[in-house]
Amino acid sequence: MSEELNGELSPPMVNGEVVFDAPWQGRVFGMAKSLADAGLYTWDEFRACLIAEVAGWEGLSQGEYPYYELFLGALEKVLAQKDVVEPAHLTARFEVFKSRPRGHDH
């Protein structure tokens, strides 16, 4: 899957392996692949959402490149587009997780 994401869509890598700075990043990456493999959307549909997320961020040009935040945004968008999850439900879940103390699930 990571080979299908190249150029600026390429995830952070070291020695040819995808790397994650936090556990949630690996989870989001795995979820995106698993849901595509399950047929909820095609990888090209996800990739198009990621391209749009990156383009939107580039228009703002703010700070360090937040790859996994953009990746998560693309996943949320493709899930909403395919009517897998309603955006309001995602927002509500985000608020629940955001309110938890750092390291809550580790």
PDB file of N, CA and C in Angstrom:
ATOM      1  N   MET A   1       0.817  -1.187   0.000  1.00  0.00           N
ATOM      2  CA  MET A   1       0.000   0.000   0.000  1.00  0.00           C
ATOM      3  C   MET A   1       0.860   1.249   0.000  1.00  0.00           C
ATOM      4  N   SER A   2       1.898   1.308   0.848  1.00  0.00           N
ATOM      5  CA  SER A   2       2.701   2.526   0.919  1.00  0.00           C
ATOM      6  C   SER A   2       3.373   2.829  -0.413  1.00  0.00           C
ATOM      7  N   GLU A   3       3.639   1.775  -1.230  1.00  0.00           N
ATOM      8  CA  GLU A   3       4.241   2.021  -2.533  1.00  0.00           C
ATOM      9  C   GLU A   3       3.272   2.747  -3.458  1.00  0.00           C
ATOM     10  N   GLU A   4       1.978   2.687  -3.185  1.00  0.00           N
ATOM     11  CA  GLU A   4       0.988   3.394  -3.982  1.00  0.00           C
ATOM     12  C   GLU A   4       0.887   4.865  -3.571  1.00  0.00           C
ATOM     13  N   LEU A   5       1.523   5.200  -2.473  1.00  0.00           N
ATOM     14  CA  LEU A   5       1.569   6.573  -2.004  1.00  0.00           C
ATOM     15  C   LEU A   5       2.997   7.047  -2.196  1.00  0.00           C
ATOM     16  N   ASN A   6       3.230   7.799  -3.270  1.00  0.00           N
ATOM     17  CA  ASN A   6       4.586   8.249  -3.522  1.00  0.00           C
ATOM     18  C   ASN A   6       4.628   9.763  -3.655  1.00  0.00           C
ATOM     19  N   GLY A   7       5.830  10.291  -3.786  1.00  0.00           N
ATOM     20  CA  GLY A   7       5.981  11.740  -3.840  1.00  0.00           C
ATOM     21  C   GLY A   7       5.558  12.354  -2.516  1.00  0.00           C
ATOM     22  N   GLU A   8       4.831  13.450  -2.596  1.00  0.00           N
ATOM     23  CA  GLU A   8       4.406  14.099  -1.347  1.00  0.00           C
ATOM     24  C   GLU A   8       3.312  13.321  -0.633  1.00  0.00           C
ATOM     25  N   LEU A   9       2.739  12.310  -1.281  1.00  0.00           N
ATOM     26  CA  LEU A   9       1.757  11.453  -0.623  1.00  0.00           C
ATOM     27  C   LEU A   9       2.411  10.321   0.153  1.00  0.00           C
ATOM     28  N   SER A  10       3.724  10.185   0.008  1.00  0.00           N
ATOM     29  CA  SER A  10       4.455   9.114   0.668  1.00  0.00           C
ATOM     30  C   SER A  10       4.496   9.331   2.177  1.00  0.00           C
ATOM     31  N   PRO A  11       4.208   8.266   2.947  1.00  0.00           N
ATOM     32  CA  PRO A  11       4.289   8.393   4.402  1.00  0.00           C
ATOM     33  C   PRO A  11       5.739   8.535   4.851  1.00  0.00           C
ATOM     34  N   PRO A  12       5.963   9.039   6.058  1.00  0.00           N
ATOM     35  CA  PRO A  12       7.328   9.113   6.580  1.00  0.00           C
ATOM     36  C   PRO A  12       7.946   7.710   6.607  1.00  0.00           C
ATOM     37  N   MET A  13       9.169   7.607   6.107  1.00  0.00           N
ATOM     38  CA  MET A  13       9.823   6.307   6.014  1.00  0.00           C
ATOM     39  C   MET A  13      11.284   6.397   6.453  1.00  0.00           C
ATOM     40  N   VAL A  14      11.773   5.279   6.972  1.00  0.00           N
ATOM     41  CA  VAL A  14      13.178   5.121   7.305  1.00  0.00           C
ATOM     42  C   VAL A  14      13.591   3.751   6.777  1.00  0.00           C
ATOM     43  N   ASN A  15      14.640   3.725   5.975  1.00  0.00           N
ATOM     44  CA  ASN A  15      15.138   2.476   5.385  1.00  0.00           C
ATOM     45  C   ASN A  15      14.036   1.686   4.680  1.00  0.00           C
ATOM     46  N   GLY A  16      13.148   2.396   3.986  1.00  0.00           N
ATOM     47  CA  GLY A  16      12.096   1.742   3.219  1.00  0.00           C
ATOM     48  C   GLY A  16      10.904   1.262   4.028  1.00  0.00           C
ATOM     49  N   GLU A  17      10.874   1.551   5.326  1.00  0.00           N
ATOM     50  CA  GLU A  17       9.780   1.134   6.193  1.00  0.00           C
ATOM     51  C   GLU A  17       8.997   2.361   6.668  1.00  0.00           C
ATOM     52  N   VAL A  18       7.672   2.243   6.677  1.00  0.00           N
ATOM     53  CA  VAL A  18       6.825   3.321   7.182  1.00  0.00           C
ATOM     54  C   VAL A  18       7.078   3.476   8.675  1.00  0.00           C
ATOM     55  N   VAL A  19       7.204   4.727   9.137  1.00  0.00           N
ATOM     56  CA  VAL A  19       7.437   4.995  10.557  1.00  0.00           C
ATOM     57  C   VAL A  19       6.306   5.856  11.122  1.00  0.00           C
ATOM     58  N   PHE A  20       6.065   5.678  12.402  1.00  0.00           N
ATOM     59  CA  PHE A  20       5.013   6.400  13.098  1.00  0.00           C
ATOM     60  C   PHE A  20       5.603   7.020  14.362  1.00  0.00           C
ATOM     61  N   ASP A  21       5.211   8.257  14.647  1.00  0.00           N
ATOM     62  CA  ASP A  21       5.680   8.929  15.862  1.00  0.00           C
ATOM     63  C   ASP A  21       4.780   8.638  17.057  1.00  0.00           C
ATOM     64  N   ALA A  22       3.566   8.178  16.786  1.00  0.00           N
ATOM     65  CA  ALA A  22       2.607   7.915  17.857  1.00  0.00           C
ATOM     66  C   ALA A  22       1.741   6.717  17.456  1.00  0.00           C
ATOM     67  N   PRO A  23       1.248   5.976  18.432  1.00  0.00           N
ATOM     68  CA  PRO A  23       0.437   4.789  18.130  1.00  0.00           C
ATOM     69  C   PRO A  23      -0.782   5.078  17.250  1.00  0.00           C
ATOM     70  N   TRP A  24      -1.427   6.226  17.447  1.00  0.00           N
ATOM     71  CA  TRP A  24      -2.623   6.521  16.657  1.00  0.00           C
ATOM     72  C   TRP A  24      -2.311   6.584  15.165  1.00  0.00           C
ATOM     73  N   GLN A  25      -1.103   6.987  14.816  1.00  0.00           N
ATOM     74  CA  GLN A  25      -0.741   7.101  13.409  1.00  0.00           C
ATOM     75  C   GLN A  25      -0.724   5.721  12.743  1.00  0.00           C
ATOM     76  N   GLY A  26      -0.157   4.755  13.410  1.00  0.00           N
ATOM     77  CA  GLY A  26      -0.151   3.391  12.892  1.00  0.00           C
ATOM     78  C   GLY A  26      -1.556   2.817  12.798  1.00  0.00           C
ATOM     79  N   ARG A  27      -2.385   3.150  13.774  1.00  0.00           N
ATOM     80  CA  ARG A  27      -3.766   2.664  13.762  1.00  0.00           C
ATOM     81  C   ARG A  27      -4.535   3.238  12.580  1.00  0.00           C
ATOM     82  N   VAL A  28      -4.379   4.535  12.339  1.00  0.00           N
ATOM     83  CA  VAL A  28      -5.076   5.183  11.224  1.00  0.00           C
ATOM     84  C   VAL A  28      -4.592   4.595   9.901  1.00  0.00           C
ATOM     85  N   PHE A  29      -3.304   4.398   9.783  1.00  0.00           N
ATOM     86  CA  PHE A  29      -2.736   3.832   8.574  1.00  0.00           C
ATOM     87  C   PHE A  29      -3.299   2.432   8.331  1.00  0.00           C
ATOM     88  N   GLY A  30      -3.316   1.614   9.372  1.00  0.00           N
ATOM     89  CA  GLY A  30      -3.848   0.260   9.270  1.00  0.00           C
ATOM     90  C   GLY A  30      -5.338   0.232   8.976  1.00  0.00           C
ATOM     91  N   MET A  31      -6.083   1.119   9.608  1.00  0.00           N
ATOM     92  CA  MET A  31      -7.525   1.190   9.344  1.00  0.00           C
ATOM     93  C   MET A  31      -7.800   1.546   7.896  1.00  0.00           C
ATOM     94  N   ALA A  32      -7.073   2.517   7.372  1.00  0.00           N
ATOM     95  CA  ALA A  32      -7.294   2.935   5.986  1.00  0.00           C
ATOM     96  C   ALA A  32      -7.076   1.766   5.039  1.00  0.00           C
ATOM     97  N   LYS A  33      -6.015   1.017   5.255  1.00  0.00           N
ATOM     98  CA  LYS A  33      -5.729  -0.134   4.387  1.00  0.00           C
ATOM     99  C   LYS A  33      -6.767  -1.219   4.572  1.00  0.00           C
ATOM    100  N   SER A  34      -7.097  -1.543   5.810  1.00  0.00           N
ATOM    101  CA  SER A  34      -8.063  -2.608   6.081  1.00  0.00           C
ATOM    102  C   SER A  34      -9.434  -2.298   5.493  1.00  0.00           C
ATOM    103  N   LEU A  35      -9.879  -1.068   5.624  1.00  0.00           N
ATOM    104  CA  LEU A  35     -11.188  -0.692   5.093  1.00  0.00           C
ATOM    105  C   LEU A  35     -11.198  -0.719   3.569  1.00  0.00           C
ATOM    106  N   ALA A  36     -10.088  -0.325   2.954  1.00  0.00           N
ATOM    107  CA  ALA A  36      -9.988  -0.413   1.490  1.00  0.00           C
ATOM    108  C   ALA A  36      -9.971  -1.884   1.068  1.00  0.00           C
ATOM    109  N   ASP A  37      -9.205  -2.708   1.774  1.00  0.00           N
ATOM    110  CA  ASP A  37      -9.150  -4.137   1.461  1.00  0.00           C
ATOM    111  C   ASP A  37     -10.518  -4.797   1.627  1.00  0.00           C
ATOM    112  N   ALA A  38     -11.325  -4.288   2.567  1.00  0.00           N
ATOM    113  CA  ALA A  38     -12.665  -4.835   2.805  1.00  0.00           C
ATOM    114  C   ALA A  38     -13.678  -4.361   1.755  1.00  0.00           C
ATOM    115  N   GLY A  39     -13.263  -3.430   0.910  1.00  0.00           N
ATOM    116  CA  GLY A  39     -14.129  -2.982  -0.169  1.00  0.00           C
ATOM    117  C   GLY A  39     -15.048  -1.817   0.165  1.00  0.00           C
ATOM    118  N   LEU A  40     -14.800  -1.141   1.292  1.00  0.00           N
ATOM    119  CA  LEU A  40     -15.644   0.003   1.642  1.00  0.00           C
ATOM    120  C   LEU A  40     -15.376   1.202   0.737  1.00  0.00           C
ATOM    121  N   TYR A  41     -14.189   1.250   0.173  1.00  0.00           N
ATOM    122  CA  TYR A  41     -13.808   2.256  -0.815  1.00  0.00           C
ATOM    123  C   TYR A  41     -12.598   1.704  -1.554  1.00  0.00           C
ATOM    124  N   THR A  42     -12.301   2.279  -2.686  1.00  0.00           N
ATOM    125  CA  THR A  42     -11.102   1.847  -3.403  1.00  0.00           C
ATOM    126  C   THR A  42      -9.917   2.668  -2.910  1.00  0.00           C
ATOM    127  N   TRP A  43      -8.732   2.110  -3.109  1.00  0.00           N
ATOM    128  CA  TRP A  43      -7.539   2.851  -2.705  1.00  0.00           C
ATOM    129  C   TRP A  43      -7.417   4.142  -3.498  1.00  0.00           C
ATOM    130  N   ASP A  44      -7.854   4.147  -4.766  1.00  0.00           N
ATOM    131  CA  ASP A  44      -7.821   5.369  -5.567  1.00  0.00           C
ATOM    132  C   ASP A  44      -8.750   6.434  -5.003  1.00  0.00           C
ATOM    133  N   GLU A  45      -9.894   6.032  -4.445  1.00  0.00           N
ATOM    134  CA  GLU A  45     -10.804   7.001  -3.814  1.00  0.00           C
ATOM    135  C   GLU A  45     -10.140   7.622  -2.581  1.00  0.00           C
ATOM    136  N   PHE A  46      -9.482   6.777  -1.782  1.00  0.00           N
ATOM    137  CA  PHE A  46      -8.772   7.306  -0.618  1.00  0.00           C
ATOM    138  C   PHE A  46      -7.654   8.242  -1.059  1.00  0.00           C
ATOM    139  N   ARG A  47      -6.898   7.809  -2.043  1.00  0.00           N
ATOM    140  CA  ARG A  47      -5.771   8.609  -2.538  1.00  0.00           C
ATOM    141  C   ARG A  47      -6.238   9.977  -3.029  1.00  0.00           C
ATOM    142  N   ALA A  48      -7.379  10.024  -3.713  1.00  0.00           N
ATOM    143  CA  ALA A  48      -7.929  11.306  -4.186  1.00  0.00           C
ATOM    144  C   ALA A  48      -8.255  12.221  -3.007  1.00  0.00           C
ATOM    145  N   CYS A  49      -8.775  11.654  -1.934  1.00  0.00           N
ATOM    146  CA  CYS A  49      -9.054  12.463  -0.743  1.00  0.00           C
ATOM    147  C   CYS A  49      -7.767  12.956  -0.099  1.00  0.00           C
ATOM    148  N   LEU A  50      -6.738  12.117  -0.092  1.00  0.00           N
ATOM    149  CA  LEU A  50      -5.448  12.525   0.468  1.00  0.00           C
ATOM    150  C   LEU A  50      -4.830  13.637  -0.373  1.00  0.00           C
ATOM    151  N   ILE A  51      -4.934  13.531  -1.680  1.00  0.00           N
ATOM    152  CA  ILE A  51      -4.435  14.588  -2.562  1.00  0.00           C
ATOM    153  C   ILE A  51      -5.128  15.906  -2.247  1.00  0.00           C
ATOM    154  N   ALA A  52      -6.447  15.857  -2.051  1.00  0.00           N
ATOM    155  CA  ALA A  52      -7.204  17.072  -1.730  1.00  0.00           C
ATOM    156  C   ALA A  52      -6.786  17.648  -0.375  1.00  0.00           C
ATOM    157  N   GLU A  53      -6.558  16.772   0.602  1.00  0.00           N
ATOM    158  CA  GLU A  53      -6.114  17.233   1.927  1.00  0.00           C
ATOM    159  C   GLU A  53      -4.757  17.917   1.835  1.00  0.00           C
ATOM    160  N   VAL A  54      -3.830  17.312   1.109  1.00  0.00           N
ATOM    161  CA  VAL A  54      -2.491  17.885   0.952  1.00  0.00           C
ATOM    162  C   VAL A  54      -2.580  19.219   0.226  1.00  0.00           C
ATOM    163  N   ALA A  55      -3.376  19.290  -0.820  1.00  0.00           N
ATOM    164  CA  ALA A  55      -3.531  20.544  -1.575  1.00  0.00           C
ATOM    165  C   ALA A  55      -4.100  21.643  -0.684  1.00  0.00           C
ATOM    166  N   GLY A  56      -5.068  21.305   0.154  1.00  0.00           N
ATOM    167  CA  GLY A  56      -5.628  22.290   1.075  1.00  0.00           C
ATOM    168  C   GLY A  56      -4.611  22.791   2.076  1.00  0.00           C
ATOM    169  N   TRP A  57      -3.794  21.878   2.582  1.00  0.00           N
ATOM    170  CA  TRP A  57      -2.758  22.271   3.535  1.00  0.00           C
ATOM    171  C   TRP A  57      -1.717  23.143   2.845  1.00  0.00           C
ATOM    172  N   GLU A  58      -1.334  22.768   1.617  1.00  0.00           N
ATOM    173  CA  GLU A  58      -0.335  23.554   0.899  1.00  0.00           C
ATOM    174  C   GLU A  58      -0.823  24.974   0.660  1.00  0.00           C
ATOM    175  N   GLY A  59      -2.120  25.137   0.472  1.00  0.00           N
ATOM    176  CA  GLY A  59      -2.680  26.469   0.291  1.00  0.00           C
ATOM    177  C   GLY A  59      -2.519  27.330   1.526  1.00  0.00           C
ATOM    178  N   LEU A  60      -2.459  26.690   2.676  1.00  0.00           N
ATOM    179  CA  LEU A  60      -2.280  27.420   3.938  1.00  0.00           C
ATOM    180  C   LEU A  60      -0.811  27.597   4.283  1.00  0.00           C
ATOM    181  N   SER A  61       0.024  26.643   3.873  1.00  0.00           N
ATOM    182  CA  SER A  61       1.471  26.654   4.124  1.00  0.00           C
ATOM    183  C   SER A  61       1.808  27.013   5.563  1.00  0.00           C
ATOM    184  N   GLN A  62       1.284  26.248   6.488  1.00  0.00           N
ATOM    185  CA  GLN A  62       1.514  26.530   7.900  1.00  0.00           C
ATOM    186  C   GLN A  62       2.362  25.444   8.544  1.00  0.00           C
ATOM    187  N   GLY A  63       3.528  25.792   9.004  1.00  0.00           N
ATOM    188  CA  GLY A  63       4.345  24.914   9.827  1.00  0.00           C
ATOM    189  C   GLY A  63       4.805  23.636   9.170  1.00  0.00           C
ATOM    190  N   GLU A  64       5.160  22.696  10.029  1.00  0.00           N
ATOM    191  CA  GLU A  64       5.684  21.398   9.611  1.00  0.00           C
ATOM    192  C   GLU A  64       4.594  20.577   8.928  1.00  0.00           C
ATOM    193  N   TYR A  65       4.989  19.807   7.945  1.00  0.00           N
ATOM    194  CA  TYR A  65       4.068  18.977   7.168  1.00  0.00           C
ATOM    195  C   TYR A  65       3.416  17.924   8.067  1.00  0.00           C
ATOM    196  N   PRO A  66       2.112  18.041   8.325  1.00  0.00           N
ATOM    197  CA  PRO A  66       1.431  17.132   9.259  1.00  0.00           C
ATOM    198  C   PRO A  66       0.863  15.901   8.542  1.00  0.00           C
ATOM    199  N   TYR A  67       1.730  15.041   8.036  1.00  0.00           N
ATOM    200  CA  TYR A  67       1.306  13.943   7.167  1.00  0.00           C
ATOM    201  C   TYR A  67       0.145  13.145   7.745  1.00  0.00           C
ATOM    202  N   TYR A  68       0.268  12.661   8.972  1.00  0.00           N
ATOM    203  CA  TYR A  68      -0.764  11.771   9.500  1.00  0.00           C
ATOM    204  C   TYR A  68      -2.060  12.499   9.836  1.00  0.00           C
ATOM    205  N   GLU A  69      -1.996  13.780  10.154  1.00  0.00           N
ATOM    206  CA  GLU A  69      -3.228  14.547  10.337  1.00  0.00           C
ATOM    207  C   GLU A  69      -3.960  14.666   9.001  1.00  0.00           C
ATOM    208  N   LEU A  70      -3.215  14.879   7.921  1.00  0.00           N
ATOM    209  CA  LEU A  70      -3.812  14.947   6.592  1.00  0.00           C
ATOM    210  C   LEU A  70      -4.343  13.569   6.179  1.00  0.00           C
ATOM    211  N   PHE A  71      -3.618  12.528   6.514  1.00  0.00           N
ATOM    212  CA  PHE A  71      -4.031  11.157   6.225  1.00  0.00           C
ATOM    213  C   PHE A  71      -5.355  10.855   6.931  1.00  0.00           C
ATOM    214  N   LEU A  72      -5.444  11.253   8.207  1.00  0.00           N
ATOM    215  CA  LEU A  72      -6.680  11.062   8.972  1.00  0.00           C
ATOM    216  C   LEU A  72      -7.825  11.847   8.348  1.00  0.00           C
ATOM    217  N   GLY A  73      -7.564  13.089   7.963  1.00  0.00           N
ATOM    218  CA  GLY A  73      -8.594  13.897   7.310  1.00  0.00           C
ATOM    219  C   GLY A  73      -9.099  13.245   6.032  1.00  0.00           C
ATOM    220  N   ALA A  74      -8.180  12.650   5.261  1.00  0.00           N
ATOM    221  CA  ALA A  74      -8.570  11.955   4.028  1.00  0.00           C
ATOM    222  C   ALA A  74      -9.427  10.739   4.343  1.00  0.00           C
ATOM    223  N   LEU A  75      -9.068  10.007   5.389  1.00  0.00           N
ATOM    224  CA  LEU A  75      -9.857   8.845   5.784  1.00  0.00           C
ATOM    225  C   LEU A  75     -11.260   9.273   6.201  1.00  0.00           C
ATOM    226  N   GLU A  76     -11.353  10.326   7.001  1.00  0.00           N
ATOM    227  CA  GLU A  76     -12.668  10.827   7.420  1.00  0.00           C
ATOM    228  C   GLU A  76     -13.512  11.228   6.206  1.00  0.00           C
ATOM    229  N   LYS A  77     -12.888  11.896   5.250  1.00  0.00           N
ATOM    230  CA  LYS A  77     -13.628  12.346   4.067  1.00  0.00           C
ATOM    231  C   LYS A  77     -14.122  11.187   3.219  1.00  0.00           C
ATOM    232  N   VAL A  78     -13.267  10.205   2.982  1.00  0.00           N
ATOM    233  CA  VAL A  78     -13.704   9.087   2.144  1.00  0.00           C
ATOM    234  C   VAL A  78     -14.792   8.284   2.849  1.00  0.00           C
ATOM    235  N   LEU A  79     -14.705   8.150   4.168  1.00  0.00           N
ATOM    236  CA  LEU A  79     -15.755   7.442   4.907  1.00  0.00           C
ATOM    237  C   LEU A  79     -17.078   8.195   4.841  1.00  0.00           C
ATOM    238  N   ALA A  80     -17.018   9.521   4.906  1.00  0.00           N
ATOM    239  CA  ALA A  80     -18.238  10.330   4.786  1.00  0.00           C
ATOM    240  C   ALA A  80     -18.798  10.253   3.365  1.00  0.00           C
ATOM    241  N   GLN A  81     -17.928  10.347   2.369  1.00  0.00           N
ATOM    242  CA  GLN A  81     -18.372  10.288   0.969  1.00  0.00           C
ATOM    243  C   GLN A  81     -19.052   8.966   0.643  1.00  0.00           C
ATOM    244  N   LYS A  82     -18.570   7.899   1.227  1.00  0.00           N
ATOM    245  CA  LYS A  82     -19.116   6.571   0.955  1.00  0.00           C
ATOM    246  C   LYS A  82     -20.255   6.213   1.919  1.00  0.00           C
ATOM    247  N   ASP A  83     -20.662   7.175   2.747  1.00  0.00           N
ATOM    248  CA  ASP A  83     -21.733   6.972   3.731  1.00  0.00           C
ATOM    249  C   ASP A  83     -21.445   5.825   4.697  1.00  0.00           C
ATOM    250  N   VAL A  84     -20.179   5.643   5.028  1.00  0.00           N
ATOM    251  CA  VAL A  84     -19.790   4.627   6.005  1.00  0.00           C
ATOM    252  C   VAL A  84     -20.000   5.179   7.412  1.00  0.00           C
ATOM    253  N   VAL A  85     -19.647   6.437   7.607  1.00  0.00           N
ATOM    254  CA  VAL A  85     -19.780   7.108   8.895  1.00  0.00           C
ATOM    255  C   VAL A  85     -20.252   8.534   8.641  1.00  0.00           C
ATOM    256  N   GLU A  86     -21.186   8.989   9.457  1.00  0.00           N
ATOM    257  CA  GLU A  86     -21.646  10.369   9.328  1.00  0.00           C
ATOM    258  C   GLU A  86     -20.616  11.316   9.939  1.00  0.00           C
ATOM    259  N   PRO A  87     -20.345  12.458   9.280  1.00  0.00           N
ATOM    260  CA  PRO A  87     -19.367  13.414   9.809  1.00  0.00           C
ATOM    261  C   PRO A  87     -19.658  13.843  11.249  1.00  0.00           C
ATOM    262  N   ALA A  88     -20.917  13.991  11.610  1.00  0.00           N
ATOM    263  CA  ALA A  88     -21.253  14.406  12.981  1.00  0.00           C
ATOM    264  C   ALA A  88     -20.809  13.354  13.990  1.00  0.00           C
ATOM    265  N   HIS A  89     -20.924  12.090  13.629  1.00  0.00           N
ATOM    266  CA  HIS A  89     -20.472  11.018  14.518  1.00  0.00           C
ATOM    267  C   HIS A  89     -18.955  11.061  14.686  1.00  0.00           C
ATOM    268  N   LEU A  90     -18.240  11.299  13.598  1.00  0.00           N
ATOM    269  CA  LEU A  90     -16.783  11.416  13.683  1.00  0.00           C
ATOM    270  C   LEU A  90     -16.383  12.572  14.590  1.00  0.00           C
ATOM    271  N   THR A  91     -17.057  13.703  14.433  1.00  0.00           N
ATOM    272  CA  THR A  91     -16.756  14.876  15.264  1.00  0.00           C
ATOM    273  C   THR A  91     -17.007  14.567  16.732  1.00  0.00           C
ATOM    274  N   ALA A  92     -18.104  13.909  17.037  1.00  0.00           N
ATOM    275  CA  ALA A  92     -18.426  13.563  18.422  1.00  0.00           C
ATOM    276  C   ALA A  92     -17.374  12.626  19.004  1.00  0.00           C
ATOM    277  N   ARG A  93     -16.964  11.620  18.249  1.00  0.00           N
ATOM    278  CA  ARG A  93     -15.942  10.688  18.724  1.00  0.00           C
ATOM    279  C   ARG A  93     -14.605  11.398  18.929  1.00  0.00           C
ATOM    280  N   PHE A  94     -14.278  12.305  18.015  1.00  0.00           N
ATOM    281  CA  PHE A  94     -13.042  13.066  18.136  1.00  0.00           C
ATOM    282  C   PHE A  94     -13.028  13.846  19.455  1.00  0.00           C
ATOM    283  N   GLU A  95     -14.138  14.472  19.767  1.00  0.00           N
ATOM    284  CA  GLU A  95     -14.210  15.258  21.006  1.00  0.00           C
ATOM    285  C   GLU A  95     -14.033  14.371  22.238  1.00  0.00           C
ATOM    286  N   VAL A  96     -14.591  13.167  22.204  1.00  0.00           N
ATOM    287  CA  VAL A  96     -14.433  12.237  23.326  1.00  0.00           C
ATOM    288  C   VAL A  96     -12.957  11.883  23.501  1.00  0.00           C
ATOM    289  N   PHE A  97     -12.317  11.509  22.400  1.00  0.00           N
ATOM    290  CA  PHE A  97     -10.909  11.129  22.489  1.00  0.00           C
ATOM    291  C   PHE A  97     -10.021  12.311  22.856  1.00  0.00           C
ATOM    292  N   LYS A  98     -10.353  13.482  22.338  1.00  0.00           N
ATOM    293  CA  LYS A  98      -9.565  14.678  22.632  1.00  0.00           C
ATOM    294  C   LYS A  98      -9.610  15.031  24.118  1.00  0.00           C
ATOM    295  N   SER A  99     -10.706  14.725  24.774  1.00  0.00           N
ATOM    296  CA  SER A  99     -10.849  15.069  26.185  1.00  0.00           C
ATOM    297  C   SER A  99     -10.103  14.117  27.115  1.00  0.00           C
ATOM    298  N   ARG A 100      -9.657  12.982  26.615  1.00  0.00           N
ATOM    299  CA  ARG A 100      -8.912  12.033  27.445  1.00  0.00           C
ATOM    300  C   ARG A 100      -7.520  12.540  27.749  1.00  0.00           C
ATOM    301  N   PRO A 101      -7.000  12.205  28.902  1.00  0.00           N
ATOM    302  CA  PRO A 101      -5.639  12.637  29.239  1.00  0.00           C
ATOM    303  C   PRO A 101      -4.611  11.970  28.342  1.00  0.00           C
ATOM    304  N   ARG A 102      -3.505  12.653  28.148  1.00  0.00           N
ATOM    305  CA  ARG A 102      -2.417  12.117  27.322  1.00  0.00           C
ATOM    306  C   ARG A 102      -1.981  10.757  27.854  1.00  0.00           C
ATOM    307  N   GLY A 103      -1.788   9.803  26.943  1.00  0.00           N
ATOM    308  CA  GLY A 103      -1.362   8.464  27.328  1.00  0.00           C
ATOM    309  C   GLY A 103      -2.467   7.592  27.892  1.00  0.00           C
ATOM    310  N   HIS A 104      -3.711   8.023  27.754  1.00  0.00           N
ATOM    311  CA  HIS A 104      -4.849   7.304  28.334  1.00  0.00           C
ATOM    312  C   HIS A 104      -4.887   5.831  27.924  1.00  0.00           C
ATOM    313  N   ASP A 105      -4.637   5.560  26.643  1.00  0.00           N
ATOM    314  CA  ASP A 105      -4.787   4.192  26.151  1.00  0.00           C
ATOM    315  C   ASP A 105      -3.460   3.458  25.997  1.00  0.00           C
ATOM    316  N   HIS A 106      -2.434   3.923  26.679  1.00  0.00           N
ATOM    317  CA  HIS A 106      -1.125   3.264  26.531  1.00  0.00           C
ATOM    318  C   HIS A 106      -0.624   2.786  27.862  1.00  0.00           C
TER     319      HIS A 106
END
